[in-house]
Amino acid sequence: MAYVISNDCIACGSCIGECPVEAISEGEIYKIDPDVCTDCGTCADTCPSEAIHPA
């Protein structure tokens, strides 16, 4: 089960460098590609706005 980014995302970029499989793409609200995400949770641990949660 992949992680998802909610509308609480502030597009700060802190999660992008933490993703070991580069599943996160930039945008007004960042997105996680569920086909690439390995469910490691590293991005959620890094998110200052707590916008990343398991799907």
C-alpha atoms as a PDB file:
ATOM      1  CA  MET A   1       0.000   0.000   0.000  1.00  0.00           C
ATOM      2  CA  ALA A   2       1.553   3.276  -1.130  1.00  0.00           C
ATOM      3  CA  TYR A   3       1.638   6.537   0.766  1.00  0.00           C
ATOM      4  CA  VAL A   4      -0.395   9.548  -0.397  1.00  0.00           C
ATOM      5  CA  ILE A   5       0.028  13.294   0.017  1.00  0.00           C
ATOM      6  CA  SER A   6      -3.001  15.259   1.199  1.00  0.00           C
ATOM      7  CA  ASN A   7      -4.054  18.835   0.495  1.00  0.00           C
ATOM      8  CA  ASP A   8      -2.135  19.849   3.629  1.00  0.00           C
ATOM      9  CA  CYS A   9       1.054  19.684   1.515  1.00  0.00           C
ATOM     10  CA  ILE A  10       2.932  22.999   1.522  1.00  0.00           C
ATOM     11  CA  ALA A  11       5.270  21.939  -1.336  1.00  0.00           C
ATOM     12  CA  CYS A  12       8.360  22.535   0.802  1.00  0.00           C
ATOM     13  CA  GLY A  13      10.376  19.795  -0.924  1.00  0.00           C
ATOM     14  CA  SER A  14      11.614  18.075   2.225  1.00  0.00           C
ATOM     15  CA  CYS A  15      10.171  14.705   1.161  1.00  0.00           C
ATOM     16  CA  ILE A  16      11.675  14.579  -2.330  1.00  0.00           C
ATOM     17  CA  GLY A  17      15.275  14.045  -1.254  1.00  0.00           C
ATOM     18  CA  GLU A  18      14.248  11.448   1.321  1.00  0.00           C
ATOM     19  CA  CYS A  19      12.460   9.074  -1.068  1.00  0.00           C
ATOM     20  CA  PRO A  20      14.851   6.202  -1.886  1.00  0.00           C
ATOM     21  CA  VAL A  21      12.954   5.245  -5.066  1.00  0.00           C
ATOM     22  CA  GLU A  22      12.161   8.766  -6.373  1.00  0.00           C
ATOM     23  CA  ALA A  23       8.398   8.171  -6.282  1.00  0.00           C
ATOM     24  CA  ILE A  24       7.522  11.786  -5.406  1.00  0.00           C
ATOM     25  CA  SER A  25       6.928  14.417  -8.082  1.00  0.00           C
ATOM     26  CA  GLU A  26       6.794  18.167  -7.582  1.00  0.00           C
ATOM     27  CA  GLY A  27       3.773  20.371  -8.151  1.00  0.00           C
ATOM     28  CA  GLU A  28       1.468  22.746  -6.321  1.00  0.00           C
ATOM     29  CA  ILE A  29       0.778  19.710  -4.157  1.00  0.00           C
ATOM     30  CA  TYR A  30       3.354  16.958  -4.447  1.00  0.00           C
ATOM     31  CA  LYS A  31       2.270  13.492  -5.599  1.00  0.00           C
ATOM     32  CA  ILE A  32       3.504   9.983  -4.896  1.00  0.00           C
ATOM     33  CA  ASP A  33       3.468   7.427  -7.708  1.00  0.00           C
ATOM     34  CA  PRO A  34       1.790   4.371  -6.139  1.00  0.00           C
ATOM     35  CA  ASP A  35       3.446   2.039  -8.658  1.00  0.00           C
ATOM     36  CA  VAL A  36       6.909   3.138  -7.520  1.00  0.00           C
ATOM     37  CA  CYS A  37       6.327   3.739  -3.779  1.00  0.00           C
ATOM     38  CA  THR A  38       7.740   0.939  -1.598  1.00  0.00           C
ATOM     39  CA  ASP A  39       5.764   1.935   1.512  1.00  0.00           C
ATOM     40  CA  CYS A  40       8.891   2.725   3.529  1.00  0.00           C
ATOM     41  CA  GLY A  41       7.383   5.799   5.238  1.00  0.00           C
ATOM     42  CA  THR A  42      10.526   7.897   5.086  1.00  0.00           C
ATOM     43  CA  CYS A  43       8.657  10.741   3.402  1.00  0.00           C
ATOM     44  CA  ALA A  44       5.970  10.795   6.096  1.00  0.00           C
ATOM     45  CA  ASP A  45       8.607  10.973   8.824  1.00  0.00           C
ATOM     46  CA  THR A  46      10.149  14.014   7.124  1.00  0.00           C
ATOM     47  CA  CYS A  47       6.993  15.991   6.293  1.00  0.00           C
ATOM     48  CA  PRO A  48       6.717  19.124   8.493  1.00  0.00           C
ATOM     49  CA  SER A  49       3.004  19.569   7.738  1.00  0.00           C
ATOM     50  CA  GLU A  50       2.128  15.899   8.357  1.00  0.00           C
ATOM     51  CA  ALA A  51       0.514  15.753   4.905  1.00  0.00           C
ATOM     52  CA  ILE A  52       1.772  12.258   4.019  1.00  0.00           C
ATOM     53  CA  HIS A  53      -0.166   9.190   5.136  1.00  0.00           C
ATOM     54  CA  PRO A  54      -0.568   5.520   4.166  1.00  0.00           C
ATOM     55  CA  ALA A  55      -3.247   5.102   1.514  1.00  0.00           C
END
